[in-house]
Amino acid sequence: MKHAYLIIAHNELELLKNLISILDDERNDIYIHFDAKLNKLPELSVNKSKLYILEKRINVCWADFSVVEAELALLRAAYSNNHYAYYHLLSGVDLPLKSQDYIHTFFDKNAGKEFIDICLYDVSSEMERKMMRWHLFRKDFKNVGKFALITRLMRATFIRIQECLGIKRNKHINFRKGSQWASITSDFTEFLLSRENIIRKVYSHTFCPDEVFIQTECWNSKFRQKLYDYSPNYRGHMRLIDWRRGNPYVWRDEDYDELIHSDRIFARKFSSKYMGIVRKITDAVCRKN
């Protein structure tokens, strides 16, 4: 069966073209959501894959439910077209580290597994703050304008009022968290889409729901038994991400050996500032296709 690559993109368009070139394979379809803030869309082309650009574009803001909206839109578009073997959620600054032959063989061998990163340490206090309170002005969290201080004070005050009054929402949900990027099966995708109204109710007006909703929906369902790996360091979703050296660390030329010899399928994040490593990975992976 074919795979669907679901890409959330808002910048780094030169890097996105490299990503598309690696994914361009008759066994893949590619879906892209471009942030509504992007004024001009890039010209992209494929030779073997089918490429779908979502017409409805969402203004995606960090920590806001709009990130979940974009992910659901991509999942919905792909699932309505075809029931793919796997749906891979990627950002526009990710790259595969393996050839398409390797990737398809790997997922065939692990068919039915859900590749989702889930933190196993206690996140209850964090989830109480992020998921059980009503959050104001999420879209403005990173603003630095003249009203930024006012909105921050209002947001913090509103949270403090809820704490003092003992106001909690979603009290009976066992929340889990992890990396938002995942590779999931058609069955789990169908399950998520069937719960779309519930997801909107539970995760709207929360903080960073993109790092919680897939993990929580999986953990509290039969799909928990299908998780690929519980190990730390992002092996659960087979992504190579380095949070020790950055937020996350941006891969550079000197990291080539670490990347190309990794057991992970994908890596993030890359930047057009270091196109040397992007071209090296692209050339190495495409030679094996």
C-alpha atoms as a PDB file:
ATOM      1  CA  MET A   1       0.000   0.000   0.000  1.00  0.00           C
ATOM      2  CA  LYS A   2       0.999   3.582  -0.573  1.00  0.00           C
ATOM      3  CA  HIS A   3       2.180   6.057   2.063  1.00  0.00           C
ATOM      4  CA  ALA A   4       0.931   9.609   2.602  1.00  0.00           C
ATOM      5  CA  TYR A   5       3.369  12.329   3.595  1.00  0.00           C
ATOM      6  CA  LEU A   6       1.622  15.204   5.367  1.00  0.00           C
ATOM      7  CA  ILE A   7       3.750  18.334   5.539  1.00  0.00           C
ATOM      8  CA  ILE A   8       3.129  21.491   7.554  1.00  0.00           C
ATOM      9  CA  ALA A   9       5.148  24.286   5.921  1.00  0.00           C
ATOM     10  CA  HIS A  10       5.485  27.988   6.563  1.00  0.00           C
ATOM     11  CA  ASN A  11       9.031  28.953   5.564  1.00  0.00           C
ATOM     12  CA  GLU A  12      12.336  27.432   4.375  1.00  0.00           C
ATOM     13  CA  LEU A  13      10.908  26.855   0.899  1.00  0.00           C
ATOM     14  CA  GLU A  14      14.245  25.883  -0.672  1.00  0.00           C
ATOM     15  CA  LEU A  15      14.569  23.161   1.935  1.00  0.00           C
ATOM     16  CA  LEU A  16      10.983  22.062   1.245  1.00  0.00           C
ATOM     17  CA  LYS A  17      11.893  21.443  -2.392  1.00  0.00           C
ATOM     18  CA  ASN A  18      14.684  19.102  -1.282  1.00  0.00           C
ATOM     19  CA  LEU A  19      12.250  17.252   0.968  1.00  0.00           C
ATOM     20  CA  ILE A  20       9.783  16.856  -1.920  1.00  0.00           C
ATOM     21  CA  SER A  21      12.524  15.526  -4.192  1.00  0.00           C
ATOM     22  CA  ILE A  22      13.363  12.758  -1.706  1.00  0.00           C
ATOM     23  CA  LEU A  23       9.712  11.794  -1.217  1.00  0.00           C
ATOM     24  CA  ASP A  24       8.927  11.797  -4.950  1.00  0.00           C
ATOM     25  CA  ASP A  25       8.164   8.103  -5.462  1.00  0.00           C
ATOM     26  CA  GLU A  26       5.262   6.254  -7.081  1.00  0.00           C
ATOM     27  CA  ARG A  27       4.572   4.618  -3.707  1.00  0.00           C
ATOM     28  CA  ASN A  28       3.930   7.980  -2.037  1.00  0.00           C
ATOM     29  CA  ASP A  29       1.394  10.779  -2.191  1.00  0.00           C
ATOM     30  CA  ILE A  30       2.385  14.162  -0.761  1.00  0.00           C
ATOM     31  CA  TYR A  31       0.038  16.610   0.975  1.00  0.00           C
ATOM     32  CA  ILE A  32       1.136  20.101   1.998  1.00  0.00           C
ATOM     33  CA  HIS A  33      -0.507  22.683   4.222  1.00  0.00           C
ATOM     34  CA  PHE A  34       0.999  26.138   3.753  1.00  0.00           C
ATOM     35  CA  ASP A  35       0.522  28.600   6.578  1.00  0.00           C
ATOM     36  CA  ALA A  36      -1.986  31.344   5.755  1.00  0.00           C
ATOM     37  CA  LYS A  37       0.684  33.912   6.649  1.00  0.00           C
ATOM     38  CA  LEU A  38       2.729  32.858   3.613  1.00  0.00           C
ATOM     39  CA  ASN A  39       2.087  35.458   0.898  1.00  0.00           C
ATOM     40  CA  LYS A  40       3.381  33.583  -2.127  1.00  0.00           C
ATOM     41  CA  LEU A  41       3.341  29.835  -2.565  1.00  0.00           C
ATOM     42  CA  PRO A  42       6.418  28.186  -4.098  1.00  0.00           C
ATOM     43  CA  GLU A  43       6.323  26.352  -7.400  1.00  0.00           C
ATOM     44  CA  LEU A  44       6.670  22.660  -6.627  1.00  0.00           C
ATOM     45  CA  SER A  45       6.724  19.729  -9.006  1.00  0.00           C
ATOM     46  CA  VAL A  46       6.909  15.953  -8.778  1.00  0.00           C
ATOM     47  CA  ASN A  47       7.563  13.253 -11.351  1.00  0.00           C
ATOM     48  CA  LYS A  48       6.298  10.097  -9.653  1.00  0.00           C
ATOM     49  CA  SER A  49       4.167  11.058  -6.647  1.00  0.00           C
ATOM     50  CA  LYS A  50       0.852  12.851  -6.584  1.00  0.00           C
ATOM     51  CA  LEU A  51       1.121  16.258  -4.957  1.00  0.00           C
ATOM     52  CA  TYR A  52      -1.833  17.857  -3.166  1.00  0.00           C
ATOM     53  CA  ILE A  53      -1.772  21.438  -1.849  1.00  0.00           C
ATOM     54  CA  LEU A  54      -4.537  22.129   0.655  1.00  0.00           C
ATOM     55  CA  GLU A  55      -6.685  24.994  -0.619  1.00  0.00           C
ATOM     56  CA  LYS A  56      -7.951  26.074   2.781  1.00  0.00           C
ATOM     57  CA  ARG A  57      -5.002  27.540   4.642  1.00  0.00           C
ATOM     58  CA  ILE A  58      -4.966  28.003   8.399  1.00  0.00           C
ATOM     59  CA  ASN A  59      -3.158  30.742  10.280  1.00  0.00           C
ATOM     60  CA  VAL A  60      -0.975  28.394  12.326  1.00  0.00           C
ATOM     61  CA  CYS A  61       0.343  29.846  15.589  1.00  0.00           C
ATOM     62  CA  TRP A  62       2.700  28.203  18.064  1.00  0.00           C
ATOM     63  CA  ALA A  63       1.024  26.652  21.141  1.00  0.00           C
ATOM     64  CA  ASP A  64      -2.437  27.228  19.659  1.00  0.00           C
ATOM     65  CA  PHE A  65      -5.126  24.761  18.577  1.00  0.00           C
ATOM     66  CA  SER A  66      -4.525  25.974  15.003  1.00  0.00           C
ATOM     67  CA  VAL A  67      -1.577  23.537  14.832  1.00  0.00           C
ATOM     68  CA  VAL A  68      -3.973  20.671  15.551  1.00  0.00           C
ATOM     69  CA  GLU A  69      -6.384  22.117  12.968  1.00  0.00           C
ATOM     70  CA  ALA A  70      -3.663  21.926  10.304  1.00  0.00           C
ATOM     71  CA  GLU A  71      -2.803  18.340  11.239  1.00  0.00           C
ATOM     72  CA  LEU A  72      -6.456  17.278  11.148  1.00  0.00           C
ATOM     73  CA  ALA A  73      -6.929  19.003   7.789  1.00  0.00           C
ATOM     74  CA  LEU A  74      -4.005  17.059   6.323  1.00  0.00           C
ATOM     75  CA  LEU A  75      -5.204  13.763   7.801  1.00  0.00           C
ATOM     76  CA  ARG A  76      -8.728  14.403   6.535  1.00  0.00           C
ATOM     77  CA  ALA A  77      -7.571  15.278   3.016  1.00  0.00           C
ATOM     78  CA  ALA A  78      -5.358  12.206   2.729  1.00  0.00           C
ATOM     79  CA  TYR A  79      -7.810   9.760   4.298  1.00  0.00           C
ATOM     80  CA  SER A  80     -10.624  10.943   2.016  1.00  0.00           C
ATOM     81  CA  ASN A  81      -8.430  10.201  -1.017  1.00  0.00           C
ATOM     82  CA  ASN A  82      -7.035   6.820  -0.040  1.00  0.00           C
ATOM     83  CA  HIS A  83      -6.598   4.506   2.922  1.00  0.00           C
ATOM     84  CA  TYR A  84      -2.816   4.620   3.042  1.00  0.00           C
ATOM     85  CA  ALA A  85      -0.630   2.153   4.893  1.00  0.00           C
ATOM     86  CA  TYR A  86       0.965   5.021   6.843  1.00  0.00           C
ATOM     87  CA  TYR A  87       0.424   8.726   7.287  1.00  0.00           C
ATOM     88  CA  HIS A  88       3.668  10.542   8.112  1.00  0.00           C
ATOM     89  CA  LEU A  89       3.339  13.947   9.773  1.00  0.00           C
ATOM     90  CA  LEU A  90       6.373  16.057   8.931  1.00  0.00           C
ATOM     91  CA  SER A  91       7.354  19.693   9.109  1.00  0.00           C
ATOM     92  CA  GLY A  92       8.848  21.473   6.128  1.00  0.00           C
ATOM     93  CA  VAL A  93      12.261  21.405   7.829  1.00  0.00           C
ATOM     94  CA  ASP A  94      12.458  17.604   8.200  1.00  0.00           C
ATOM     95  CA  LEU A  95      14.295  15.159   5.958  1.00  0.00           C
ATOM     96  CA  PRO A  96      14.200  11.381   5.575  1.00  0.00           C
ATOM     97  CA  LEU A  97      17.495   9.710   6.437  1.00  0.00           C
ATOM     98  CA  LYS A  98      16.705   6.512   4.545  1.00  0.00           C
ATOM     99  CA  SER A  99      15.823   5.586   0.981  1.00  0.00           C
ATOM    100  CA  GLN A 100      12.233   4.953  -0.031  1.00  0.00           C
ATOM    101  CA  ASP A 101      13.009   1.248  -0.467  1.00  0.00           C
ATOM    102  CA  TYR A 102      14.285   1.123   3.114  1.00  0.00           C
ATOM    103  CA  ILE A 103      11.319   3.104   4.471  1.00  0.00           C
ATOM    104  CA  HIS A 104       8.678   0.970   2.762  1.00  0.00           C
ATOM    105  CA  THR A 105      10.409  -2.253   3.795  1.00  0.00           C
ATOM    106  CA  PHE A 106      10.707  -1.037   7.394  1.00  0.00           C
ATOM    107  CA  PHE A 107       7.028  -0.124   7.675  1.00  0.00           C
ATOM    108  CA  ASP A 108       5.959  -3.327   5.920  1.00  0.00           C
ATOM    109  CA  LYS A 109       7.876  -5.307   8.544  1.00  0.00           C
ATOM    110  CA  ASN A 110       6.212  -3.296  11.316  1.00  0.00           C
ATOM    111  CA  ALA A 111       2.765  -3.072   9.740  1.00  0.00           C
ATOM    112  CA  GLY A 112       0.070  -2.110  12.229  1.00  0.00           C
ATOM    113  CA  LYS A 113       2.446  -0.411  14.662  1.00  0.00           C
ATOM    114  CA  GLU A 114       1.872   3.210  15.655  1.00  0.00           C
ATOM    115  CA  PHE A 115       4.988   5.372  15.584  1.00  0.00           C
ATOM    116  CA  ILE A 116       4.190   7.965  18.241  1.00  0.00           C
ATOM    117  CA  ASP A 117       6.520   9.549  20.782  1.00  0.00           C
ATOM    118  CA  ILE A 118       5.063   9.415  24.307  1.00  0.00           C
ATOM    119  CA  CYS A 119       6.806  10.702  27.437  1.00  0.00           C
ATOM    120  CA  LEU A 120       6.651   8.103  30.218  1.00  0.00           C
ATOM    121  CA  TYR A 121       7.682  10.375  33.097  1.00  0.00           C
ATOM    122  CA  ASP A 122       5.045  12.083  35.256  1.00  0.00           C
ATOM    123  CA  VAL A 123       3.485  14.986  33.331  1.00  0.00           C
ATOM    124  CA  SER A 124       0.430  15.438  35.547  1.00  0.00           C
ATOM    125  CA  SER A 125       1.346  18.895  36.890  1.00  0.00           C
ATOM    126  CA  GLU A 126       2.231  20.127  33.408  1.00  0.00           C
ATOM    127  CA  MET A 127      -1.009  18.733  31.999  1.00  0.00           C
ATOM    128  CA  GLU A 128      -3.020  20.333  34.795  1.00  0.00           C
ATOM    129  CA  ARG A 129      -1.626  23.702  33.805  1.00  0.00           C
ATOM    130  CA  LYS A 130      -1.813  23.225  30.024  1.00  0.00           C
ATOM    131  CA  MET A 131      -4.865  21.031  29.484  1.00  0.00           C
ATOM    132  CA  MET A 132      -7.127  21.604  32.496  1.00  0.00           C
ATOM    133  CA  ARG A 133      -7.249  25.406  32.425  1.00  0.00           C
ATOM    134  CA  TRP A 134      -8.787  27.777  29.908  1.00  0.00           C
ATOM    135  CA  HIS A 135      -6.069  29.725  28.072  1.00  0.00           C
ATOM    136  CA  LEU A 136      -6.546  33.158  26.546  1.00  0.00           C
ATOM    137  CA  PHE A 137      -4.681  34.741  23.630  1.00  0.00           C
ATOM    138  CA  ARG A 138      -2.815  31.615  22.534  1.00  0.00           C
ATOM    139  CA  LYS A 139      -2.256  33.066  19.067  1.00  0.00           C
ATOM    140  CA  ASP A 140      -0.499  36.056  20.622  1.00  0.00           C
ATOM    141  CA  PHE A 141       1.902  34.100  22.803  1.00  0.00           C
ATOM    142  CA  LYS A 142       5.008  34.970  20.789  1.00  0.00           C
ATOM    143  CA  ASN A 143       3.994  38.538  19.956  1.00  0.00           C
ATOM    144  CA  VAL A 144       6.443  41.266  20.892  1.00  0.00           C
ATOM    145  CA  GLY A 145       4.261  44.285  20.015  1.00  0.00           C
ATOM    146  CA  LYS A 146       3.036  47.027  22.333  1.00  0.00           C
ATOM    147  CA  PHE A 147       0.111  44.926  23.544  1.00  0.00           C
ATOM    148  CA  ALA A 148       2.218  41.818  24.245  1.00  0.00           C
ATOM    149  CA  LEU A 149       2.801  42.658  27.910  1.00  0.00           C
ATOM    150  CA  ILE A 150      -0.899  43.351  28.453  1.00  0.00           C
ATOM    151  CA  THR A 151      -1.999  40.054  26.912  1.00  0.00           C
ATOM    152  CA  ARG A 152       0.625  38.157  28.943  1.00  0.00           C
ATOM    153  CA  LEU A 153      -0.622  39.729  32.159  1.00  0.00           C
ATOM    154  CA  MET A 154      -4.235  38.994  31.254  1.00  0.00           C
ATOM    155  CA  ARG A 155      -3.397  35.401  30.365  1.00  0.00           C
ATOM    156  CA  ALA A 156      -1.460  34.816  33.604  1.00  0.00           C
ATOM    157  CA  THR A 157      -4.157  36.511  35.686  1.00  0.00           C
ATOM    158  CA  PHE A 158      -6.910  34.405  34.150  1.00  0.00           C
ATOM    159  CA  ILE A 159      -4.954  31.202  34.893  1.00  0.00           C
ATOM    160  CA  ARG A 160      -4.376  32.378  38.481  1.00  0.00           C
ATOM    161  CA  ILE A 161      -8.088  33.072  38.960  1.00  0.00           C
ATOM    162  CA  GLN A 162      -8.946  29.545  37.798  1.00  0.00           C
ATOM    163  CA  GLU A 163      -6.382  28.090  40.204  1.00  0.00           C
ATOM    164  CA  CYS A 164      -7.738  30.085  43.143  1.00  0.00           C
ATOM    165  CA  LEU A 165     -11.337  29.126  42.369  1.00  0.00           C
ATOM    166  CA  GLY A 166     -10.464  25.477  41.694  1.00  0.00           C
ATOM    167  CA  ILE A 167     -11.779  25.665  38.125  1.00  0.00           C
ATOM    168  CA  LYS A 168     -10.672  22.673  36.090  1.00  0.00           C
ATOM    169  CA  ARG A 169     -11.734  21.223  32.773  1.00  0.00           C
ATOM    170  CA  ASN A 170     -10.975  17.799  31.273  1.00  0.00           C
ATOM    171  CA  LYS A 171     -10.489  16.492  34.825  1.00  0.00           C
ATOM    172  CA  HIS A 172     -11.090  12.828  34.043  1.00  0.00           C
ATOM    173  CA  ILE A 173      -8.760  12.509  31.041  1.00  0.00           C
ATOM    174  CA  ASN A 174      -5.392  10.781  31.406  1.00  0.00           C
ATOM    175  CA  PHE A 175      -3.290  13.150  29.314  1.00  0.00           C
ATOM    176  CA  ARG A 176       0.017  12.146  27.757  1.00  0.00           C
ATOM    177  CA  LYS A 177       2.496  14.260  25.829  1.00  0.00           C
ATOM    178  CA  GLY A 178       5.348  13.915  23.322  1.00  0.00           C
ATOM    179  CA  SER A 179       6.616  15.107  19.967  1.00  0.00           C
ATOM    180  CA  GLN A 180       3.847  16.151  17.581  1.00  0.00           C
ATOM    181  CA  TRP A 181       5.443  14.396  14.587  1.00  0.00           C
ATOM    182  CA  ALA A 182       4.236  10.843  14.046  1.00  0.00           C
ATOM    183  CA  SER A 183       3.736   8.002  11.556  1.00  0.00           C
ATOM    184  CA  ILE A 184       0.329   6.430  12.061  1.00  0.00           C
ATOM    185  CA  THR A 185      -1.797   3.743  10.435  1.00  0.00           C
ATOM    186  CA  SER A 186      -4.995   4.120   8.461  1.00  0.00           C
ATOM    187  CA  ASP A 187      -6.975   2.582  11.345  1.00  0.00           C
ATOM    188  CA  PHE A 188      -5.677   5.102  13.863  1.00  0.00           C
ATOM    189  CA  THR A 189      -6.207   7.947  11.396  1.00  0.00           C
ATOM    190  CA  GLU A 190      -9.829   6.845  10.976  1.00  0.00           C
ATOM    191  CA  PHE A 191     -10.166   6.749  14.771  1.00  0.00           C
ATOM    192  CA  LEU A 192      -8.802  10.293  15.158  1.00  0.00           C
ATOM    193  CA  LEU A 193     -11.080  11.673  12.445  1.00  0.00           C
ATOM    194  CA  SER A 194     -14.101   9.948  13.991  1.00  0.00           C
ATOM    195  CA  ARG A 195     -13.366  11.858  17.205  1.00  0.00           C
ATOM    196  CA  GLU A 196     -12.764  15.216  15.560  1.00  0.00           C
ATOM    197  CA  ASN A 197     -15.638  16.963  17.360  1.00  0.00           C
ATOM    198  CA  ILE A 198     -14.460  15.576  20.702  1.00  0.00           C
ATOM    199  CA  ILE A 199     -10.890  16.638  19.941  1.00  0.00           C
ATOM    200  CA  ARG A 200     -12.075  20.189  19.243  1.00  0.00           C
ATOM    201  CA  LYS A 201     -14.018  20.309  22.497  1.00  0.00           C
ATOM    202  CA  VAL A 202     -11.225  18.876  24.667  1.00  0.00           C
ATOM    203  CA  TYR A 203      -8.176  20.594  23.181  1.00  0.00           C
ATOM    204  CA  SER A 204      -9.467  24.020  22.091  1.00  0.00           C
ATOM    205  CA  HIS A 205      -8.321  26.845  24.391  1.00  0.00           C
ATOM    206  CA  THR A 206      -5.530  24.697  25.838  1.00  0.00           C
ATOM    207  CA  PHE A 207      -1.774  25.282  25.603  1.00  0.00           C
ATOM    208  CA  CYS A 208       0.423  23.315  23.141  1.00  0.00           C
ATOM    209  CA  PRO A 209      -2.290  20.746  22.289  1.00  0.00           C
ATOM    210  CA  ASP A 210      -0.296  19.535  19.258  1.00  0.00           C
ATOM    211  CA  GLU A 211       2.093  17.818  21.702  1.00  0.00           C
ATOM    212  CA  VAL A 212      -0.770  16.125  23.532  1.00  0.00           C
ATOM    213  CA  PHE A 213      -3.761  15.167  21.422  1.00  0.00           C
ATOM    214  CA  ILE A 214      -2.313  12.284  19.365  1.00  0.00           C
ATOM    215  CA  GLN A 215      -0.525  10.869  22.417  1.00  0.00           C
ATOM    216  CA  THR A 216      -3.612  11.095  24.628  1.00  0.00           C
ATOM    217  CA  GLU A 217      -6.017   9.703  22.036  1.00  0.00           C
ATOM    218  CA  CYS A 218      -3.690   6.762  21.446  1.00  0.00           C
ATOM    219  CA  TRP A 219      -2.915   6.097  25.130  1.00  0.00           C
ATOM    220  CA  ASN A 220      -6.585   5.943  26.107  1.00  0.00           C
ATOM    221  CA  SER A 221      -7.614   3.615  23.285  1.00  0.00           C
ATOM    222  CA  LYS A 222      -6.902   0.133  21.994  1.00  0.00           C
ATOM    223  CA  PHE A 223      -4.126   1.624  19.834  1.00  0.00           C
ATOM    224  CA  ARG A 224      -1.921   1.945  22.908  1.00  0.00           C
ATOM    225  CA  GLN A 225      -1.162  -1.768  22.479  1.00  0.00           C
ATOM    226  CA  LYS A 226       0.155  -1.031  18.984  1.00  0.00           C
ATOM    227  CA  LEU A 227       2.830   1.479  19.975  1.00  0.00           C
ATOM    228  CA  TYR A 228       6.153   0.662  18.323  1.00  0.00           C
ATOM    229  CA  ASP A 229       8.546   1.578  21.125  1.00  0.00           C
ATOM    230  CA  TYR A 230       8.502   3.158  24.575  1.00  0.00           C
ATOM    231  CA  SER A 231      12.203   4.047  24.649  1.00  0.00           C
ATOM    232  CA  PRO A 232      13.248   7.661  25.287  1.00  0.00           C
ATOM    233  CA  ASN A 233      15.143   9.802  22.770  1.00  0.00           C
ATOM    234  CA  TYR A 234      12.316   9.781  20.222  1.00  0.00           C
ATOM    235  CA  ARG A 235      12.713   6.182  19.095  1.00  0.00           C
ATOM    236  CA  GLY A 236       8.966   5.734  19.429  1.00  0.00           C
ATOM    237  CA  HIS A 237       8.379   7.762  16.277  1.00  0.00           C
ATOM    238  CA  MET A 238      11.787   7.068  14.716  1.00  0.00           C
ATOM    239  CA  ARG A 239      12.810  10.723  14.460  1.00  0.00           C
ATOM    240  CA  LEU A 240      16.312  12.001  15.188  1.00  0.00           C
ATOM    241  CA  ILE A 241      15.893  15.220  17.182  1.00  0.00           C
ATOM    242  CA  ASP A 242      18.565  16.812  19.370  1.00  0.00           C
ATOM    243  CA  TRP A 243      17.239  18.969  22.204  1.00  0.00           C
ATOM    244  CA  ARG A 244      20.556  18.966  24.096  1.00  0.00           C
ATOM    245  CA  ARG A 245      22.307  21.376  21.740  1.00  0.00           C
ATOM    246  CA  GLY A 246      19.363  23.477  20.574  1.00  0.00           C
ATOM    247  CA  ASN A 247      15.637  24.171  20.587  1.00  0.00           C
ATOM    248  CA  PRO A 248      15.911  21.857  18.745  1.00  0.00           C
ATOM    249  CA  TYR A 249      19.449  21.732  17.359  1.00  0.00           C
ATOM    250  CA  VAL A 250      19.831  22.578  13.661  1.00  0.00           C
ATOM    251  CA  TRP A 251      21.880  19.943  11.823  1.00  0.00           C
ATOM    252  CA  ARG A 252      25.100  21.089  10.126  1.00  0.00           C
ATOM    253  CA  ASP A 253      27.747  19.753   7.740  1.00  0.00           C
ATOM    254  CA  GLU A 254      29.821  18.228  10.540  1.00  0.00           C
ATOM    255  CA  ASP A 255      26.825  16.106  11.628  1.00  0.00           C
ATOM    256  CA  TYR A 256      26.658  14.108   8.382  1.00  0.00           C
ATOM    257  CA  ASP A 257      28.080  10.851   9.784  1.00  0.00           C
ATOM    258  CA  GLU A 258      25.777  10.958  12.803  1.00  0.00           C
ATOM    259  CA  LEU A 259      22.757  11.493  10.566  1.00  0.00           C
ATOM    260  CA  ILE A 260      23.506   9.025   7.791  1.00  0.00           C
ATOM    261  CA  HIS A 261      24.435   6.215  10.201  1.00  0.00           C
ATOM    262  CA  SER A 262      21.470   6.756  12.506  1.00  0.00           C
ATOM    263  CA  ASP A 263      18.859   4.015  12.873  1.00  0.00           C
ATOM    264  CA  ARG A 264      16.105   6.647  12.659  1.00  0.00           C
ATOM    265  CA  ILE A 265      13.895   7.161   9.621  1.00  0.00           C
ATOM    266  CA  PHE A 266      13.563  10.961   9.724  1.00  0.00           C
ATOM    267  CA  ALA A 267      15.457  13.880  11.257  1.00  0.00           C
ATOM    268  CA  ARG A 268      14.660  17.440  12.231  1.00  0.00           C
ATOM    269  CA  LYS A 269      15.499  20.163  12.062  1.00  0.00           C
ATOM    270  CA  PHE A 270      17.364  21.546   9.075  1.00  0.00           C
ATOM    271  CA  SER A 271      17.834  25.092   7.826  1.00  0.00           C
ATOM    272  CA  SER A 272      18.661  26.893   4.586  1.00  0.00           C
ATOM    273  CA  LYS A 273      21.569  28.436   6.511  1.00  0.00           C
ATOM    274  CA  TYR A 274      23.227  25.022   6.287  1.00  0.00           C
ATOM    275  CA  MET A 275      22.236  23.799   2.838  1.00  0.00           C
ATOM    276  CA  GLY A 276      25.456  21.794   2.584  1.00  0.00           C
ATOM    277  CA  ILE A 277      24.156  19.099   4.935  1.00  0.00           C
ATOM    278  CA  VAL A 278      20.726  19.214   3.261  1.00  0.00           C
ATOM    279  CA  ARG A 279      22.274  18.512  -0.141  1.00  0.00           C
ATOM    280  CA  LYS A 280      24.523  15.776   1.266  1.00  0.00           C
ATOM    281  CA  ILE A 281      21.574  13.962   2.854  1.00  0.00           C
ATOM    282  CA  THR A 282      19.448  14.451  -0.251  1.00  0.00           C
ATOM    283  CA  ASP A 283      22.158  13.073  -2.538  1.00  0.00           C
ATOM    284  CA  ALA A 284      22.930  10.122  -0.262  1.00  0.00           C
ATOM    285  CA  VAL A 285      19.300   9.108   0.156  1.00  0.00           C
ATOM    286  CA  CYS A 286      18.298   9.612  -3.464  1.00  0.00           C
ATOM    287  CA  ARG A 287      21.259   7.524  -4.699  1.00  0.00           C
ATOM    288  CA  LYS A 288      19.795   4.571  -2.820  1.00  0.00           C
ATOM    289  CA  ASN A 289      16.291   4.967  -4.297  1.00  0.00           C
END
